[in-house]
Amino acid sequence: MTTHLAITGVCSAERRRYARLGAAAGRHRSLHVIDLPSAADPLLVHSTLHGMDTLCVVDARHALDDLRDDAPVRRAVPTGDARSDVGARARLAAQLIEGASAVVIVNGEHLPTPDLSILMAVVSHLAPTARVRLSRGVRDDLAALGFGTTLPVGRRDDRAGWTRVLNGEHEPFLTDRRVTTLRYEQLRPFHPARLVRALEILDSGACGILLRSVGVCRLATRAATPARWEQAGSAMWIDPLREGHGLDDVGQDLAMTGIDLNTGHLRRVLDDAVLDDVELAAGPARWQTLPDPLPDWHQVVGSDDGSTV
């Protein structure tokens, strides 16, 4: 029986090299290796991540920079294609790790041990069900990770760390005292103008380095519709969820991963951005008049079956 394995990663040179060597090694293991380009159509990437085993190649030399990269994935795309967004490369770097069955870290010998420990913990926080391995050669990696053998590789459902946080199941295998994932919950909606100031504070590093956050949020000026919150590095997306989301009683529910996070300060910054007692008591009609500098909503995310984030 042939196993199909997609090789992913935002570092094109290392991904292509690994896929090429993996294809050669796979011929002796009934393993068909597919190189999934970083700039591939997002629908193809999504269906691949959720349809087959994937191995994400992470280059230790610039992996943390990739997770904070403001660059787009592609500049020339059809209107509405999110690959051209500011920060799209950082978001893709996180998503490919989160969706992986296994993550292989290459060029780890170039990092000091403390920095390598941080990187491995970040990967494990983003993808707690994935097998994480420092590469010892493609052939050895594939054998150790169980690709092309009868060894179980990993679950395809709920791979992403943020989904496991929101389900109360986040248990990363690799940890480092400087790497933290927290869950932020708050029933009150955000005041949009104060939320913008809060995001500026978080991006400044005043609370530590926030690499990745995903979840559900609610804006007071658009309180009837919960939104998907997604942050990668300095980039932020807040998009409305479709009907059938099942989140009518949810305010803010966010999973947040970073390095050297001051979790108490982070929570206070976000708490300062929600409606205060007077604003809350004024009611939804008054909330509509609050200043809202956030972009207008033009796209809907999520699905009608409740799988909203």
Protein backbone atom coordinates (compact mmCIF):
# COMPACT_ATOMS: atom_id res chain seq x y z
CA MET A 1 0.00 0.00 0.00
CA THR A 2 1.42 3.38 -1.03
CA THR A 3 1.44 6.23 1.51
CA HIS A 4 1.18 9.79 0.22
CA LEU A 5 3.18 12.44 2.06
CA ALA A 6 3.13 16.18 1.32
CA ILE A 7 6.28 18.15 2.12
CA THR A 8 5.46 21.71 3.20
CA GLY A 9 7.31 24.74 4.52
CA VAL A 10 7.77 28.42 3.68
CA CYS A 11 11.52 28.07 3.10
CA SER A 12 11.34 27.05 -0.56
CA ALA A 13 14.98 25.98 -0.96
CA GLU A 14 14.97 23.64 2.05
CA ARG A 15 11.48 22.31 1.26
CA ARG A 16 12.40 21.49 -2.34
CA ARG A 17 15.67 19.84 -1.30
CA TYR A 18 13.90 17.75 1.33
CA ALA A 19 11.11 16.74 -1.08
CA ARG A 20 13.63 15.72 -3.74
CA LEU A 21 15.61 13.55 -1.34
CA GLY A 22 12.39 12.26 0.23
CA ALA A 23 11.08 11.17 -3.17
CA ALA A 24 14.26 9.17 -3.77
CA ALA A 25 14.11 7.56 -0.34
CA GLY A 26 10.38 6.88 -0.64
CA ARG A 27 10.77 4.62 -3.65
CA HIS A 28 12.02 1.90 -1.30
CA ARG A 29 9.22 2.45 1.23
CA SER A 30 6.03 2.54 -0.86
CA LEU A 31 6.02 6.25 -0.06
CA HIS A 32 4.90 8.81 -2.64
CA VAL A 33 6.30 12.23 -1.77
CA ILE A 34 4.63 15.43 -3.01
CA ASP A 35 6.31 18.84 -2.89
CA LEU A 36 3.61 21.36 -1.92
CA PRO A 37 4.80 24.84 -2.98
CA SER A 38 4.42 27.61 -0.43
CA ALA A 39 2.65 29.83 -2.96
CA ALA A 40 0.09 27.17 -3.92
CA ASP A 41 -3.59 28.03 -4.04
CA PRO A 42 -4.86 28.28 -0.43
CA LEU A 43 -7.71 25.84 -1.15
CA LEU A 44 -5.17 23.26 -2.31
CA VAL A 45 -3.03 23.83 0.77
CA HIS A 46 -6.05 23.52 3.06
CA SER A 47 -7.35 20.34 1.43
CA THR A 48 -3.87 18.79 1.52
CA LEU A 49 -3.27 19.59 5.19
CA HIS A 50 -6.57 17.97 6.12
CA GLY A 51 -6.50 15.15 3.61
CA MET A 52 -3.11 13.46 3.92
CA ASP A 53 -0.04 13.20 6.10
CA THR A 54 2.22 16.23 5.88
CA LEU A 55 5.77 16.86 6.93
CA CYS A 56 6.65 20.52 7.49
CA VAL A 57 10.30 21.47 6.94
CA VAL A 58 11.42 24.29 9.24
CA ASP A 59 14.76 26.02 8.71
CA ALA A 60 16.16 26.76 12.17
CA ARG A 61 18.23 29.68 10.89
CA HIS A 62 15.24 31.93 10.27
CA ALA A 63 12.14 30.05 11.50
CA LEU A 64 11.19 32.58 14.17
CA ASP A 65 11.68 35.41 11.68
CA ASP A 66 9.37 33.55 9.26
CA LEU A 67 6.67 33.51 11.94
CA ARG A 68 6.92 37.33 12.15
CA ASP A 69 7.46 38.10 8.46
CA ASP A 70 5.32 40.99 7.14
CA ALA A 71 5.78 39.90 3.52
CA PRO A 72 2.96 38.54 1.34
CA VAL A 73 3.13 35.03 -0.06
CA ARG A 74 2.55 36.35 -3.58
CA ARG A 75 2.15 39.88 -4.87
CA ALA A 76 0.32 39.26 -8.16
CA VAL A 77 -2.92 37.49 -7.26
CA PRO A 78 -6.62 37.80 -8.13
CA THR A 79 -8.64 40.34 -6.20
CA GLY A 80 -9.51 39.03 -2.76
CA ASP A 81 -6.73 36.44 -2.69
CA ALA A 82 -5.30 36.59 0.84
CA ARG A 83 -1.84 35.52 -0.33
CA SER A 84 -1.16 39.18 -1.11
CA ASP A 85 -2.00 40.35 2.44
CA VAL A 86 0.61 41.98 4.61
CA GLY A 87 1.83 39.22 6.93
CA ALA A 88 0.49 36.40 4.75
CA ARG A 89 3.89 34.65 4.82
CA ALA A 90 3.95 34.63 8.62
CA ARG A 91 0.41 33.27 8.73
CA LEU A 92 1.29 30.54 6.23
CA ALA A 93 4.41 29.61 8.21
CA ALA A 94 2.24 29.10 11.28
CA GLN A 95 -0.55 27.29 9.43
CA LEU A 96 1.83 24.81 7.80
CA ILE A 97 3.29 23.90 11.19
CA GLU A 98 -0.17 23.70 12.77
CA GLY A 99 -1.46 21.37 10.07
CA ALA A 100 1.54 19.04 10.01
CA SER A 101 1.66 15.38 11.00
CA ALA A 102 5.36 15.88 11.68
CA VAL A 103 7.81 18.77 11.74
CA VAL A 104 11.46 18.39 10.84
CA ILE A 105 13.86 21.14 11.88
CA VAL A 106 16.83 21.43 9.54
CA ASN A 107 20.08 23.36 10.10
CA GLY A 108 19.61 23.11 13.86
CA GLU A 109 23.38 22.97 14.29
CA HIS A 110 23.52 26.67 13.42
CA LEU A 111 21.58 27.69 16.55
CA PRO A 112 22.85 27.90 20.14
CA THR A 113 21.20 25.27 22.31
CA PRO A 114 18.95 27.73 24.23
CA ASP A 115 17.62 29.20 20.97
CA LEU A 116 17.02 25.75 19.53
CA SER A 117 15.10 24.80 22.66
CA ILE A 118 12.87 27.84 22.21
CA LEU A 119 12.22 27.03 18.55
CA MET A 120 11.35 23.40 19.27
CA ALA A 121 8.97 24.49 22.04
CA VAL A 122 7.29 27.04 19.76
CA VAL A 123 6.75 24.34 17.13
CA SER A 124 5.34 21.96 19.75
CA HIS A 125 3.00 24.65 21.11
CA LEU A 126 1.72 25.38 17.59
CA ALA A 127 1.36 21.69 16.72
CA PRO A 128 1.15 19.67 19.94
CA THR A 129 0.08 16.44 18.22
CA ALA A 130 2.86 16.53 15.61
CA ARG A 131 6.10 14.63 15.93
CA VAL A 132 8.97 17.12 16.10
CA ARG A 133 12.44 16.03 15.07
CA LEU A 134 15.86 17.58 14.57
CA SER A 135 16.81 16.32 11.13
CA ARG A 136 19.46 13.61 10.96
CA GLY A 137 19.12 13.10 7.23
CA VAL A 138 16.01 12.61 5.13
CA ARG A 139 16.12 8.82 5.02
CA ASP A 140 16.59 8.53 8.79
CA ASP A 141 13.90 11.15 9.43
CA LEU A 142 11.27 9.32 7.38
CA ALA A 143 12.04 6.02 9.10
CA ALA A 144 12.02 7.52 12.61
CA LEU A 145 8.79 9.41 11.97
CA GLY A 146 7.03 6.33 10.62
CA PHE A 147 6.41 7.47 7.06
CA GLY A 148 6.35 4.48 4.71
CA THR A 149 6.08 2.05 7.65
CA THR A 150 3.27 0.63 9.75
CA LEU A 151 4.01 3.03 12.63
CA PRO A 152 1.19 5.44 13.49
CA VAL A 153 2.11 8.95 12.36
CA GLY A 154 -0.39 11.26 14.01
CA ARG A 155 -3.98 12.46 14.12
CA ARG A 156 -5.32 14.51 11.24
CA ASP A 157 -8.05 16.15 13.27
CA ASP A 158 -7.41 19.02 15.66
CA ARG A 159 -3.70 19.21 14.95
CA ALA A 160 -3.45 22.97 15.48
CA GLY A 161 -2.43 24.07 18.93
CA TRP A 162 -5.00 26.85 19.03
CA THR A 163 -7.90 24.45 18.47
CA ARG A 164 -6.64 22.29 21.30
CA VAL A 165 -6.33 25.31 23.58
CA LEU A 166 -9.94 26.29 22.91
CA ASN A 167 -10.98 22.66 23.54
CA GLY A 168 -9.01 22.54 26.82
CA GLU A 169 -6.64 19.87 25.47
CA HIS A 170 -3.37 21.73 24.85
CA GLU A 171 -0.44 19.64 26.06
CA PRO A 172 2.72 20.34 24.01
CA PHE A 173 5.28 17.55 24.25
CA LEU A 174 8.26 19.93 24.09
CA THR A 175 8.42 22.90 26.42
CA ASP A 176 10.71 25.78 27.32
CA ARG A 177 10.22 28.18 30.21
CA ARG A 178 10.32 31.13 27.81
CA VAL A 179 7.53 29.80 25.56
CA THR A 180 3.92 30.20 26.68
CA THR A 181 0.47 29.51 25.31
CA LEU A 182 -2.48 31.03 27.15
CA ARG A 183 -6.21 31.15 26.72
CA TYR A 184 -7.88 34.55 26.99
CA GLU A 185 -11.62 34.54 27.70
CA GLN A 186 -13.83 37.58 28.17
CA LEU A 187 -17.59 37.89 27.81
CA ARG A 188 -17.64 41.64 27.14
CA PRO A 189 -17.22 42.85 23.55
CA PHE A 190 -14.24 44.91 22.48
CA HIS A 191 -14.43 48.67 22.07
CA PRO A 192 -12.96 48.87 18.53
CA ALA A 193 -10.88 52.00 19.06
CA ARG A 194 -9.40 50.69 22.30
CA LEU A 195 -8.78 47.34 20.65
CA VAL A 196 -6.65 49.06 18.01
CA ARG A 197 -4.57 50.66 20.78
CA ALA A 198 -4.30 47.28 22.52
CA LEU A 199 -3.03 45.65 19.33
CA GLU A 200 -0.41 48.38 18.98
CA ILE A 201 0.77 47.65 22.53
CA LEU A 202 0.95 43.92 21.85
CA ASP A 203 2.85 44.49 18.62
CA SER A 204 5.34 46.77 20.39
CA GLY A 205 6.62 43.85 22.48
CA ALA A 206 5.56 45.44 25.76
CA CYS A 207 3.98 42.11 26.78
CA GLY A 208 6.65 39.92 25.18
CA ILE A 209 6.78 38.49 21.66
CA LEU A 210 3.31 37.41 20.59
CA LEU A 211 3.91 35.09 17.64
CA ARG A 212 0.48 33.63 17.01
CA SER A 213 -3.09 33.99 18.21
CA VAL A 214 -6.33 32.56 16.82
CA GLY A 215 -9.85 32.37 18.14
CA VAL A 216 -13.23 34.08 18.31
CA CYS A 217 -13.81 37.73 19.13
CA ARG A 218 -16.70 40.19 19.20
CA LEU A 219 -16.70 43.92 18.46
CA ALA A 220 -19.24 46.13 20.23
CA THR A 221 -20.09 48.03 17.02
CA ARG A 222 -20.77 44.73 15.23
CA ALA A 223 -21.96 42.78 18.26
CA ALA A 224 -24.54 40.68 16.42
CA THR A 225 -21.79 38.85 14.52
CA PRO A 226 -18.86 37.03 16.13
CA ALA A 227 -15.61 37.12 14.20
CA ARG A 228 -12.57 34.96 13.61
CA TRP A 229 -9.48 36.51 15.16
CA GLU A 230 -6.20 35.53 13.55
CA GLN A 231 -2.80 37.09 14.23
CA ALA A 232 0.64 36.15 12.97
CA GLY A 233 3.57 38.38 13.86
CA SER A 234 2.52 41.99 13.27
CA ALA A 235 -0.37 41.07 10.97
CA MET A 236 -3.98 40.83 12.11
CA TRP A 237 -7.19 39.56 10.51
CA ILE A 238 -10.66 39.97 12.03
CA ASP A 239 -13.35 38.56 9.74
CA PRO A 240 -17.05 37.82 10.35
CA LEU A 241 -18.21 34.25 10.78
CA ARG A 242 -21.02 32.74 8.77
CA GLU A 243 -24.43 32.03 10.19
CA GLY A 244 -24.68 28.70 11.95
CA HIS A 245 -21.56 29.39 13.98
CA GLY A 246 -23.14 28.39 17.31
CA LEU A 247 -21.24 31.13 19.13
CA ASP A 248 -24.02 33.47 20.21
CA ASP A 249 -22.91 33.35 23.84
CA VAL A 250 -19.18 33.83 23.16
CA GLY A 251 -17.39 37.16 23.60
CA GLN A 252 -13.64 36.67 23.31
CA ASP A 253 -12.02 33.22 23.31
CA LEU A 254 -8.43 33.38 22.09
CA ALA A 255 -5.42 31.07 22.08
CA MET A 256 -2.17 33.06 22.23
CA THR A 257 1.39 31.74 21.84
CA GLY A 258 4.59 33.68 22.29
CA ILE A 259 8.05 34.06 23.78
CA ASP A 260 8.74 35.78 27.12
CA LEU A 261 5.06 36.69 27.45
CA ASN A 262 4.02 38.66 30.51
CA THR A 263 0.64 36.95 30.68
CA GLY A 264 -0.71 39.21 33.43
CA HIS A 265 0.12 42.36 31.48
CA LEU A 266 -1.25 40.86 28.27
CA ARG A 267 -4.56 40.06 29.94
CA ARG A 268 -4.76 43.57 31.40
CA VAL A 269 -4.10 45.15 28.00
CA LEU A 270 -6.96 43.17 26.44
CA ASP A 271 -9.26 43.72 29.44
CA ASP A 272 -8.71 47.46 29.06
CA ALA A 273 -9.97 47.19 25.49
CA VAL A 274 -13.42 45.77 26.31
CA LEU A 275 -16.49 47.83 27.24
CA ASP A 276 -16.45 49.31 30.73
CA ASP A 277 -19.47 49.16 33.07
CA VAL A 278 -21.05 52.39 31.79
CA GLU A 279 -20.58 51.48 28.13
CA LEU A 280 -21.90 47.97 28.69
CA ALA A 281 -25.01 49.27 30.44
CA ALA A 282 -25.74 51.67 27.58
CA GLY A 283 -26.76 48.73 25.40
CA PRO A 284 -26.23 47.62 21.79
CA ALA A 285 -27.94 50.64 20.21
CA ARG A 286 -25.43 52.96 21.85
CA TRP A 287 -22.54 50.64 21.02
CA GLN A 288 -23.24 51.28 17.35
CA THR A 289 -22.16 54.91 17.81
CA LEU A 290 -18.71 54.09 19.21
CA PRO A 291 -15.73 55.00 17.05
CA ASP A 292 -14.68 52.04 14.91
CA PRO A 293 -11.38 52.49 13.01
CA LEU A 294 -11.21 48.82 12.01
CA PRO A 295 -11.62 47.93 8.30
CA ASP A 296 -15.09 47.21 6.96
CA TRP A 297 -15.99 43.56 6.62
CA HIS A 298 -16.05 42.24 3.07
CA GLN A 299 -15.48 38.53 3.58
CA VAL A 300 -17.09 35.82 5.66
CA VAL A 301 -15.12 32.92 7.07
CA GLY A 302 -16.06 29.61 8.66
CA SER A 303 -18.67 27.06 7.68
CA ASP A 304 -22.29 26.39 8.33
CA ASP A 305 -21.59 23.14 10.15
CA GLY A 306 -20.16 24.88 13.20
CA SER A 307 -16.47 24.45 12.31
CA THR A 308 -15.96 28.16 12.55
CA VAL A 309 -12.36 28.69 13.52
